[in-house]
Amino acid sequence: MVDYLLNSFTEDSEGVAYIYCDPHDPCQQTPAMMFSELLTQLLDSTKAMPRPVLQLYERYDRGKWSPQVEDLETTLLIVCKKFKKLFFVIDGLDEWENTGHWNSVVALLKSLKNTSARLFVTSRSSRKGISSILDRPPFTITAHGHDIRSYLMHTMLQDDNFSKLTNESMKSKILHRITQSSERT
C-alpha cells in the first residue's frame, strides 16, 4: 500500500509518510523519533525547504542539538498544511501502548485531522483513543492460518534464492512456525 501511495502521489503538493512500529525495539519508539521521521519523509517529497524547518534547524544551533518534541510536532503540523493531499500510514500503532508515549502519539494523530492528512492506521487491539483519531469506524481484517500458509507457500516458490537455500523440511518448519504464531495474535 505504501508503494502504491508513493508512486501515485508524486506532485510537490502531495505527500506520503509512513511509520512501521517495531515491537522488538520499543526504546526507539519515542514521539520525537516518530515526528522527525514523518517530517523527514515529507521533506524528501518537496523541492524547497519550508521556512519553519529552516527556523527549527537554526533554533537548534544548525543541527548540533536535538529539537524538543513540542517543536518537532509544531513544525510537522505547519509543514502538513502546505500539502493539498497528504497520507500517513501508521503500521502497528498498538506497539506504542506500553512505551509511556501513548497519549502524545494519539494527540499528534488527532491534531493531524486539522490538516489535509488522511490516516491509515493498523493495530491489533482496539485501545481507547484509536477510534477518536479515525474519521471512520475501525474495521477488522483477519487472516486465517490457511490464508497465511497459502501466501507463504506462493512467496517461497517465487523466490529462487530462498528455494536454493532451503530444503523441504526447512520450508515445512518455517510454514508451521509462522502460521502457529499468527494464530496467537
N, C-alpha and C. Protein backbone atom coordinates (compact mmCIF):
# COMPACT_ATOMS: atom_id res chain seq x y z
N MET A 1 0.81 -1.19 0.00
CA MET A 1 0.00 0.00 0.00
C MET A 1 0.86 1.26 0.00
N VAL A 2 1.93 1.26 0.79
CA VAL A 2 2.81 2.42 0.85
C VAL A 2 3.44 2.67 -0.52
N ASP A 3 3.89 1.61 -1.18
CA ASP A 3 4.46 1.78 -2.53
C ASP A 3 3.44 2.38 -3.49
N TYR A 4 2.21 1.92 -3.40
CA TYR A 4 1.15 2.46 -4.26
C TYR A 4 0.99 3.96 -4.02
N LEU A 5 0.92 4.37 -2.76
CA LEU A 5 0.76 5.79 -2.44
C LEU A 5 1.97 6.61 -2.92
N LEU A 6 3.17 6.09 -2.66
CA LEU A 6 4.38 6.81 -3.07
C LEU A 6 4.45 6.98 -4.59
N ASN A 7 4.01 5.97 -5.33
CA ASN A 7 4.04 6.04 -6.78
C ASN A 7 2.88 6.86 -7.36
N SER A 8 1.79 6.95 -6.63
CA SER A 8 0.60 7.65 -7.13
C SER A 8 0.60 9.14 -6.83
N PHE A 9 1.20 9.53 -5.73
CA PHE A 9 1.15 10.93 -5.30
C PHE A 9 2.56 11.51 -5.32
N THR A 10 2.94 12.03 -6.47
CA THR A 10 4.32 12.48 -6.68
C THR A 10 4.44 13.98 -6.91
N GLU A 11 3.32 14.68 -6.94
CA GLU A 11 3.38 16.13 -7.14
C GLU A 11 3.96 16.80 -5.90
N ASP A 12 4.47 18.02 -6.07
CA ASP A 12 5.07 18.75 -4.95
C ASP A 12 4.04 19.06 -3.86
N SER A 13 2.76 19.14 -4.24
CA SER A 13 1.71 19.45 -3.26
C SER A 13 1.11 18.19 -2.64
N GLU A 14 1.71 17.04 -2.92
CA GLU A 14 1.22 15.76 -2.41
C GLU A 14 2.33 15.10 -1.59
N GLY A 15 1.94 14.50 -0.47
CA GLY A 15 2.93 13.87 0.38
C GLY A 15 2.46 12.55 0.95
N VAL A 16 3.43 11.67 1.20
CA VAL A 16 3.18 10.38 1.82
C VAL A 16 4.28 10.15 2.85
N ALA A 17 3.89 9.74 4.05
CA ALA A 17 4.86 9.39 5.08
C ALA A 17 4.31 8.19 5.85
N TYR A 18 5.22 7.34 6.32
CA TYR A 18 4.79 6.12 6.99
C TYR A 18 5.75 5.74 8.11
N ILE A 19 5.20 5.04 9.06
CA ILE A 19 5.97 4.53 10.19
C ILE A 19 5.58 3.07 10.40
N TYR A 20 6.57 2.22 10.55
CA TYR A 20 6.34 0.84 10.95
C TYR A 20 6.82 0.72 12.38
N CYS A 21 5.91 0.56 13.30
CA CYS A 21 6.26 0.47 14.71
C CYS A 21 6.81 -0.92 14.99
N ASP A 22 8.01 -0.97 15.52
CA ASP A 22 8.73 -2.23 15.71
C ASP A 22 8.51 -2.75 17.13
N PRO A 23 7.85 -3.89 17.27
CA PRO A 23 7.61 -4.43 18.60
C PRO A 23 8.88 -4.91 19.28
N HIS A 24 9.95 -5.11 18.53
CA HIS A 24 11.19 -5.62 19.09
C HIS A 24 12.16 -4.51 19.48
N ASP A 25 11.78 -3.26 19.24
CA ASP A 25 12.66 -2.15 19.57
C ASP A 25 11.87 -0.98 20.16
N PRO A 26 11.18 -1.23 21.30
CA PRO A 26 10.34 -0.17 21.87
C PRO A 26 11.14 1.04 22.35
N CYS A 27 12.41 0.88 22.62
CA CYS A 27 13.22 2.02 23.08
C CYS A 27 13.37 3.08 21.99
N GLN A 28 13.29 2.69 20.73
CA GLN A 28 13.39 3.63 19.62
C GLN A 28 12.06 4.31 19.31
N GLN A 29 11.00 3.86 19.95
CA GLN A 29 9.68 4.41 19.69
C GLN A 29 9.38 5.54 20.65
N THR A 30 9.82 6.71 20.26
CA THR A 30 9.55 7.90 21.04
C THR A 30 8.79 8.88 20.15
N PRO A 31 8.03 9.78 20.73
CA PRO A 31 7.36 10.78 19.91
C PRO A 31 8.35 11.58 19.06
N ALA A 32 9.50 11.93 19.61
CA ALA A 32 10.50 12.69 18.84
C ALA A 32 10.92 11.90 17.60
N MET A 33 11.14 10.61 17.77
CA MET A 33 11.52 9.77 16.63
C MET A 33 10.41 9.73 15.59
N MET A 34 9.19 9.54 16.05
CA MET A 34 8.06 9.46 15.12
C MET A 34 7.87 10.78 14.37
N PHE A 35 7.85 11.89 15.09
CA PHE A 35 7.62 13.19 14.47
C PHE A 35 8.73 13.52 13.48
N SER A 36 9.98 13.28 13.88
CA SER A 36 11.09 13.62 12.99
C SER A 36 11.12 12.70 11.77
N GLU A 37 10.75 11.44 11.91
CA GLU A 37 10.71 10.52 10.77
C GLU A 37 9.63 10.93 9.78
N LEU A 38 8.46 11.24 10.28
CA LEU A 38 7.38 11.69 9.39
C LEU A 38 7.74 13.00 8.70
N LEU A 39 8.32 13.93 9.45
CA LEU A 39 8.73 15.21 8.89
C LEU A 39 9.79 15.01 7.82
N THR A 40 10.78 14.18 8.09
CA THR A 40 11.84 13.91 7.12
C THR A 40 11.29 13.35 5.82
N GLN A 41 10.35 12.42 5.92
CA GLN A 41 9.77 11.84 4.71
C GLN A 41 9.00 12.88 3.91
N LEU A 42 8.28 13.76 4.59
CA LEU A 42 7.55 14.80 3.88
C LEU A 42 8.53 15.77 3.19
N LEU A 43 9.62 16.09 3.86
CA LEU A 43 10.60 17.00 3.28
C LEU A 43 11.27 16.39 2.05
N ASP A 44 11.42 15.07 2.05
CA ASP A 44 12.01 14.39 0.89
C ASP A 44 11.17 14.56 -0.36
N SER A 45 9.88 14.81 -0.17
CA SER A 45 8.99 14.93 -1.34
C SER A 45 8.80 16.39 -1.79
N THR A 46 9.47 17.33 -1.13
CA THR A 46 9.32 18.72 -1.51
C THR A 46 10.58 19.22 -2.21
N LYS A 47 10.39 20.19 -3.08
CA LYS A 47 11.53 20.76 -3.82
C LYS A 47 12.27 21.79 -2.98
N ALA A 48 11.53 22.58 -2.23
CA ALA A 48 12.13 23.66 -1.43
C ALA A 48 11.92 23.36 0.06
N MET A 49 12.92 23.70 0.85
CA MET A 49 12.82 23.50 2.29
C MET A 49 11.87 24.55 2.87
N PRO A 50 10.79 24.11 3.54
CA PRO A 50 9.85 25.08 4.13
C PRO A 50 10.52 25.93 5.21
N ARG A 51 10.11 27.18 5.28
CA ARG A 51 10.70 28.12 6.23
C ARG A 51 10.64 27.62 7.69
N PRO A 52 9.53 27.02 8.16
CA PRO A 52 9.51 26.55 9.56
C PRO A 52 10.59 25.50 9.86
N VAL A 53 10.95 24.73 8.86
CA VAL A 53 12.01 23.72 9.07
C VAL A 53 13.36 24.41 9.19
N LEU A 54 13.61 25.39 8.35
CA LEU A 54 14.86 26.15 8.44
C LEU A 54 14.97 26.86 9.79
N GLN A 55 13.84 27.41 10.26
CA GLN A 55 13.84 28.09 11.55
C GLN A 55 14.13 27.11 12.69
N LEU A 56 13.56 25.92 12.60
CA LEU A 56 13.82 24.89 13.62
C LEU A 56 15.29 24.51 13.61
N TYR A 57 15.85 24.34 12.43
CA TYR A 57 17.26 23.99 12.27
C TYR A 57 18.15 25.07 12.90
N GLU A 58 17.84 26.32 12.61
CA GLU A 58 18.63 27.43 13.16
C GLU A 58 18.47 27.51 14.68
N ARG A 59 17.25 27.32 15.16
CA ARG A 59 16.98 27.42 16.60
C ARG A 59 17.79 26.40 17.39
N TYR A 60 18.05 25.26 16.79
CA TYR A 60 18.81 24.22 17.49
C TYR A 60 20.25 24.17 17.00
N ASP A 61 20.79 25.37 16.81
CA ASP A 61 22.21 25.57 16.52
C ASP A 61 22.68 24.74 15.34
N ARG A 62 21.92 24.85 14.25
CA ARG A 62 22.26 24.23 12.98
C ARG A 62 22.47 22.72 13.11
N GLY A 63 21.60 22.09 13.87
CA GLY A 63 21.63 20.63 13.99
C GLY A 63 22.54 20.07 15.07
N LYS A 64 23.14 20.93 15.88
CA LYS A 64 24.03 20.44 16.94
C LYS A 64 23.25 19.86 18.11
N TRP A 65 22.01 20.31 18.27
CA TRP A 65 21.16 19.84 19.37
C TRP A 65 19.90 19.22 18.80
N SER A 66 19.35 18.27 19.51
CA SER A 66 18.10 17.65 19.07
C SER A 66 16.92 18.53 19.46
N PRO A 67 15.98 18.74 18.55
CA PRO A 67 14.82 19.58 18.86
C PRO A 67 13.94 18.95 19.94
N GLN A 68 13.23 19.79 20.64
CA GLN A 68 12.25 19.34 21.62
C GLN A 68 11.06 18.72 20.88
N VAL A 69 10.38 17.79 21.52
CA VAL A 69 9.24 17.10 20.92
C VAL A 69 8.17 18.11 20.49
N GLU A 70 7.90 19.09 21.33
CA GLU A 70 6.87 20.07 21.02
C GLU A 70 7.21 20.85 19.76
N ASP A 71 8.49 21.19 19.58
CA ASP A 71 8.92 21.93 18.39
C ASP A 71 8.81 21.06 17.14
N LEU A 72 9.15 19.79 17.27
CA LEU A 72 9.00 18.88 16.13
C LEU A 72 7.53 18.73 15.73
N GLU A 73 6.67 18.58 16.73
CA GLU A 73 5.24 18.43 16.45
C GLU A 73 4.68 19.68 15.78
N THR A 74 5.01 20.83 16.32
CA THR A 74 4.53 22.09 15.75
C THR A 74 5.01 22.25 14.30
N THR A 75 6.27 21.97 14.06
CA THR A 75 6.83 22.09 12.72
C THR A 75 6.17 21.10 11.77
N LEU A 76 5.98 19.87 12.23
CA LEU A 76 5.32 18.86 11.40
C LEU A 76 3.92 19.32 11.01
N LEU A 77 3.17 19.85 11.94
CA LEU A 77 1.80 20.30 11.65
C LEU A 77 1.79 21.48 10.68
N ILE A 78 2.75 22.38 10.81
CA ILE A 78 2.84 23.51 9.87
C ILE A 78 3.18 23.01 8.47
N VAL A 79 4.13 22.09 8.38
CA VAL A 79 4.53 21.54 7.08
C VAL A 79 3.36 20.78 6.46
N CYS A 80 2.59 20.06 7.26
CA CYS A 80 1.44 19.31 6.74
C CYS A 80 0.46 20.23 6.02
N LYS A 81 0.30 21.43 6.51
CA LYS A 81 -0.67 22.37 5.91
C LYS A 81 -0.23 22.87 4.54
N LYS A 82 1.00 22.61 4.15
CA LYS A 82 1.49 23.02 2.84
C LYS A 82 1.12 22.02 1.74
N PHE A 83 0.56 20.88 2.13
CA PHE A 83 0.21 19.84 1.16
C PHE A 83 -1.29 19.86 0.88
N LYS A 84 -1.66 19.70 -0.39
CA LYS A 84 -3.06 19.58 -0.75
C LYS A 84 -3.56 18.17 -0.49
N LYS A 85 -2.72 17.19 -0.76
CA LYS A 85 -3.04 15.78 -0.49
C LYS A 85 -1.91 15.21 0.34
N LEU A 86 -2.29 14.54 1.43
CA LEU A 86 -1.29 14.03 2.35
C LEU A 86 -1.78 12.73 2.97
N PHE A 87 -0.92 11.73 2.98
CA PHE A 87 -1.28 10.42 3.52
C PHE A 87 -0.24 10.00 4.55
N PHE A 88 -0.73 9.54 5.69
CA PHE A 88 0.13 8.96 6.72
C PHE A 88 -0.30 7.52 6.94
N VAL A 89 0.66 6.61 6.93
CA VAL A 89 0.40 5.21 7.23
C VAL A 89 1.15 4.90 8.52
N ILE A 90 0.40 4.49 9.53
CA ILE A 90 0.99 4.12 10.82
C ILE A 90 0.69 2.63 11.02
N ASP A 91 1.69 1.81 10.86
CA ASP A 91 1.51 0.36 10.94
C ASP A 91 1.93 -0.12 12.32
N GLY A 92 1.00 -0.72 13.04
CA GLY A 92 1.30 -1.27 14.37
C GLY A 92 1.20 -0.24 15.47
N LEU A 93 0.17 0.60 15.41
CA LEU A 93 0.00 1.63 16.43
C LEU A 93 -0.04 1.05 17.84
N ASP A 94 -0.57 -0.16 17.95
CA ASP A 94 -0.66 -0.80 19.27
C ASP A 94 0.70 -1.00 19.93
N GLU A 95 1.78 -0.97 19.15
CA GLU A 95 3.13 -1.14 19.71
C GLU A 95 3.51 0.04 20.60
N TRP A 96 2.77 1.14 20.50
CA TRP A 96 3.04 2.31 21.34
C TRP A 96 2.37 2.19 22.70
N GLU A 97 1.47 1.23 22.87
CA GLU A 97 0.67 1.16 24.10
C GLU A 97 1.52 1.09 25.37
N ASN A 98 2.60 0.36 25.34
CA ASN A 98 3.38 0.16 26.56
C ASN A 98 4.68 0.95 26.59
N THR A 99 4.77 1.98 25.76
CA THR A 99 6.01 2.77 25.73
C THR A 99 5.98 3.97 26.65
N GLY A 100 4.81 4.31 27.19
CA GLY A 100 4.68 5.51 28.02
C GLY A 100 4.44 6.76 27.20
N HIS A 101 4.32 6.60 25.87
CA HIS A 101 4.13 7.75 24.99
C HIS A 101 2.78 7.72 24.28
N TRP A 102 1.90 6.85 24.71
CA TRP A 102 0.62 6.65 24.02
C TRP A 102 -0.15 7.96 23.85
N ASN A 103 -0.29 8.72 24.92
CA ASN A 103 -1.09 9.95 24.86
C ASN A 103 -0.49 10.97 23.89
N SER A 104 0.83 11.08 23.84
CA SER A 104 1.48 12.02 22.92
C SER A 104 1.22 11.63 21.47
N VAL A 105 1.30 10.34 21.20
CA VAL A 105 1.10 9.86 19.83
C VAL A 105 -0.36 10.07 19.41
N VAL A 106 -1.29 9.72 20.28
CA VAL A 106 -2.72 9.91 19.97
C VAL A 106 -3.01 11.40 19.78
N ALA A 107 -2.42 12.25 20.60
CA ALA A 107 -2.63 13.70 20.47
C ALA A 107 -2.14 14.20 19.11
N LEU A 108 -0.97 13.72 18.67
CA LEU A 108 -0.47 14.14 17.35
C LEU A 108 -1.41 13.67 16.25
N LEU A 109 -1.82 12.42 16.31
CA LEU A 109 -2.69 11.89 15.27
C LEU A 109 -4.03 12.64 15.24
N LYS A 110 -4.53 13.02 16.41
CA LYS A 110 -5.75 13.83 16.45
C LYS A 110 -5.53 15.19 15.81
N SER A 111 -4.38 15.80 16.09
CA SER A 111 -4.12 17.12 15.53
C SER A 111 -3.90 17.06 14.02
N LEU A 112 -3.50 15.92 13.49
CA LEU A 112 -3.35 15.77 12.04
C LEU A 112 -4.70 15.87 11.33
N LYS A 113 -5.78 15.64 12.07
CA LYS A 113 -7.11 15.74 11.48
C LYS A 113 -7.42 17.18 11.06
N ASN A 114 -6.68 18.15 11.59
CA ASN A 114 -6.88 19.56 11.22
C ASN A 114 -6.07 19.95 9.99
N THR A 115 -5.45 18.99 9.35
CA THR A 115 -4.69 19.23 8.13
C THR A 115 -5.37 18.45 6.99
N SER A 116 -4.73 18.44 5.84
CA SER A 116 -5.28 17.67 4.72
C SER A 116 -4.94 16.18 4.82
N ALA A 117 -4.30 15.79 5.90
CA ALA A 117 -3.82 14.41 6.05
C ALA A 117 -4.95 13.39 6.15
N ARG A 118 -4.72 12.27 5.50
CA ARG A 118 -5.58 11.11 5.65
C ARG A 118 -4.75 10.04 6.32
N LEU A 119 -5.34 9.43 7.35
CA LEU A 119 -4.61 8.44 8.14
C LEU A 119 -5.05 7.02 7.79
N PHE A 120 -4.07 6.15 7.69
CA PHE A 120 -4.34 4.72 7.60
C PHE A 120 -3.56 4.10 8.74
N VAL A 121 -4.29 3.55 9.71
CA VAL A 121 -3.68 3.04 10.93
C VAL A 121 -4.00 1.56 11.08
N THR A 122 -2.96 0.77 11.38
CA THR A 122 -3.20 -0.63 11.70
C THR A 122 -2.87 -0.85 13.17
N SER A 123 -3.62 -1.74 13.78
CA SER A 123 -3.42 -2.04 15.19
C SER A 123 -4.10 -3.36 15.49
N ARG A 124 -3.47 -4.15 16.35
CA ARG A 124 -4.09 -5.43 16.72
C ARG A 124 -5.19 -5.26 17.75
N SER A 125 -5.15 -4.20 18.51
CA SER A 125 -6.15 -4.04 19.57
C SER A 125 -7.01 -2.82 19.29
N SER A 126 -8.09 -2.72 20.03
CA SER A 126 -8.96 -1.55 19.88
C SER A 126 -8.87 -0.71 21.15
N ARG A 127 -7.69 -0.25 21.45
CA ARG A 127 -7.47 0.55 22.64
C ARG A 127 -8.28 1.84 22.56
N LYS A 128 -8.75 2.27 23.71
CA LYS A 128 -9.48 3.53 23.78
C LYS A 128 -8.59 4.64 23.24
N GLY A 129 -9.13 5.44 22.39
CA GLY A 129 -8.36 6.53 21.80
C GLY A 129 -8.14 6.33 20.32
N ILE A 130 -8.03 5.09 19.87
CA ILE A 130 -7.80 4.85 18.45
C ILE A 130 -9.01 5.31 17.65
N SER A 131 -10.20 4.95 18.10
CA SER A 131 -11.38 5.33 17.33
C SER A 131 -11.57 6.84 17.29
N SER A 132 -11.07 7.56 18.28
CA SER A 132 -11.23 9.02 18.30
C SER A 132 -10.33 9.72 17.27
N ILE A 133 -9.31 9.04 16.75
CA ILE A 133 -8.44 9.67 15.77
C ILE A 133 -8.82 9.31 14.34
N LEU A 134 -9.73 8.38 14.21
CA LEU A 134 -10.12 7.95 12.87
C LEU A 134 -11.37 8.70 12.42
N ASP A 135 -11.44 8.99 11.14
CA ASP A 135 -12.62 9.66 10.59
C ASP A 135 -13.76 8.68 10.35
N ARG A 136 -13.42 7.44 10.30
CA ARG A 136 -14.40 6.39 10.03
C ARG A 136 -14.29 5.33 11.11
N PRO A 137 -15.34 4.56 11.29
CA PRO A 137 -15.25 3.49 12.29
C PRO A 137 -14.18 2.47 11.88
N PRO A 138 -13.46 1.94 12.86
CA PRO A 138 -12.45 0.93 12.53
C PRO A 138 -13.10 -0.34 11.99
N PHE A 139 -12.36 -1.08 11.20
CA PHE A 139 -12.84 -2.38 10.75
C PHE A 139 -11.73 -3.39 10.95
N THR A 140 -12.13 -4.62 11.06
CA THR A 140 -11.20 -5.70 11.37
C THR A 140 -10.87 -6.49 10.11
N ILE A 141 -9.59 -6.71 9.92
CA ILE A 141 -9.11 -7.57 8.85
C ILE A 141 -8.40 -8.73 9.53
N THR A 142 -8.80 -9.92 9.23
CA THR A 142 -8.15 -11.08 9.82
C THR A 142 -7.71 -12.04 8.73
N ALA A 143 -6.65 -12.75 9.03
CA ALA A 143 -6.18 -13.79 8.13
C ALA A 143 -6.19 -15.10 8.91
N HIS A 144 -6.64 -16.11 8.26
CA HIS A 144 -6.66 -17.43 8.89
C HIS A 144 -5.36 -18.16 8.55
N GLY A 145 -5.06 -19.15 9.35
CA GLY A 145 -3.83 -19.91 9.17
C GLY A 145 -3.66 -20.42 7.74
N HIS A 146 -4.73 -20.91 7.13
CA HIS A 146 -4.60 -21.43 5.77
C HIS A 146 -4.32 -20.32 4.75
N ASP A 147 -4.82 -19.08 5.02
CA ASP A 147 -4.52 -17.95 4.14
C ASP A 147 -3.03 -17.60 4.22
N ILE A 148 -2.54 -17.56 5.43
CA ILE A 148 -1.13 -17.22 5.63
C ILE A 148 -0.24 -18.29 5.02
N ARG A 149 -0.62 -19.54 5.23
CA ARG A 149 0.15 -20.66 4.68
C ARG A 149 0.19 -20.59 3.15
N SER A 150 -0.95 -20.32 2.52
CA SER A 150 -1.00 -20.21 1.06
C SER A 150 -0.12 -19.07 0.57
N TYR A 151 -0.19 -17.94 1.24
CA TYR A 151 0.62 -16.79 0.85
C TYR A 151 2.11 -17.11 0.97
N LEU A 152 2.49 -17.71 2.09
CA LEU A 152 3.90 -18.05 2.29
C LEU A 152 4.40 -19.07 1.27
N MET A 153 3.59 -20.07 0.99
CA MET A 153 4.00 -21.07 0.01
C MET A 153 4.21 -20.42 -1.35
N HIS A 154 3.29 -19.56 -1.74
CA HIS A 154 3.41 -18.86 -3.02
C HIS A 154 4.68 -18.01 -3.05
N THR A 155 4.93 -17.28 -1.97
CA THR A 155 6.10 -16.41 -1.88
C THR A 155 7.38 -17.21 -1.93
N MET A 156 7.41 -18.34 -1.22
CA MET A 156 8.61 -19.18 -1.22
C MET A 156 8.90 -19.74 -2.61
N LEU A 157 7.86 -20.13 -3.32
CA LEU A 157 8.04 -20.67 -4.67
C LEU A 157 8.56 -19.62 -5.64
N GLN A 158 8.17 -18.37 -5.45
CA GLN A 158 8.57 -17.29 -6.35
C GLN A 158 10.01 -16.83 -6.14
N ASP A 159 10.56 -17.11 -4.97
CA ASP A 159 11.90 -16.62 -4.62
C ASP A 159 12.94 -17.71 -4.89
N ASP A 160 13.67 -17.56 -5.98
CA ASP A 160 14.67 -18.56 -6.36
C ASP A 160 15.76 -18.72 -5.31
N ASN A 161 16.22 -17.61 -4.73
CA ASN A 161 17.27 -17.68 -3.71
C ASN A 161 16.80 -18.45 -2.49
N PHE A 162 15.57 -18.21 -2.09
CA PHE A 162 15.02 -18.92 -0.93
C PHE A 162 14.98 -20.42 -1.22
N SER A 163 14.53 -20.78 -2.40
CA SER A 163 14.43 -22.20 -2.77
C SER A 163 15.80 -22.86 -2.78
N LYS A 164 16.83 -22.13 -3.21
CA LYS A 164 18.18 -22.69 -3.24
C LYS A 164 18.76 -22.89 -1.84
N LEU A 165 18.36 -22.04 -0.91
CA LEU A 165 18.94 -22.07 0.43
C LEU A 165 18.22 -22.99 1.41
N THR A 166 17.05 -23.48 1.05
CA THR A 166 16.28 -24.32 1.97
C THR A 166 15.88 -25.63 1.32
N ASN A 167 15.62 -26.60 2.19
CA ASN A 167 15.08 -27.87 1.70
C ASN A 167 13.63 -27.97 2.14
N GLU A 168 12.94 -29.04 1.76
CA GLU A 168 11.51 -29.17 2.07
C GLU A 168 11.24 -29.21 3.57
N SER A 169 12.14 -29.85 4.32
CA SER A 169 11.96 -29.92 5.78
C SER A 169 12.02 -28.52 6.40
N MET A 170 12.99 -27.72 5.95
CA MET A 170 13.12 -26.36 6.47
C MET A 170 11.90 -25.52 6.09
N LYS A 171 11.43 -25.63 4.85
CA LYS A 171 10.24 -24.88 4.42
C LYS A 171 9.04 -25.25 5.28
N SER A 172 8.90 -26.55 5.55
CA SER A 172 7.79 -27.02 6.37
C SER A 172 7.86 -26.43 7.78
N LYS A 173 9.06 -26.39 8.36
CA LYS A 173 9.24 -25.83 9.69
C LYS A 173 8.90 -24.33 9.70
N ILE A 174 9.33 -23.62 8.68
CA ILE A 174 9.06 -22.18 8.59
C ILE A 174 7.55 -21.95 8.49
N LEU A 175 6.89 -22.68 7.61
CA LEU A 175 5.44 -22.55 7.46
C LEU A 175 4.72 -22.82 8.77
N HIS A 176 5.12 -23.89 9.44
CA HIS A 176 4.48 -24.28 10.70
C HIS A 176 4.67 -23.19 11.76
N ARG A 177 5.90 -22.70 11.91
CA ARG A 177 6.20 -21.73 12.96
C ARG A 177 5.45 -20.42 12.72
N ILE A 178 5.43 -19.95 11.49
CA ILE A 178 4.76 -18.67 11.21
C ILE A 178 3.24 -18.80 11.35
N THR A 179 2.66 -19.86 10.82
CA THR A 179 1.20 -20.00 10.94
C THR A 179 0.81 -20.22 12.40
N GLN A 180 1.63 -20.93 13.13
CA GLN A 180 1.36 -21.14 14.56
C GLN A 180 1.41 -19.80 15.31
N SER A 181 2.38 -18.97 15.00
CA SER A 181 2.50 -17.66 15.65
C SER A 181 1.33 -16.76 15.31
N SER A 182 0.84 -16.86 14.09
CA SER A 182 -0.26 -16.00 13.66
C SER A 182 -1.55 -16.32 14.39
N GLU A 183 -1.70 -17.55 14.81
CA GLU A 183 -2.92 -17.95 15.50
C GLU A 183 -2.97 -17.45 16.93
N ARG A 184 -1.84 -16.99 17.46
CA ARG A 184 -1.78 -16.49 18.83
C ARG A 184 -2.09 -15.00 18.92
N THR A 185 -2.10 -14.29 17.81
CA THR A 185 -2.30 -12.84 17.88
C THR A 185 -3.75 -12.47 17.81
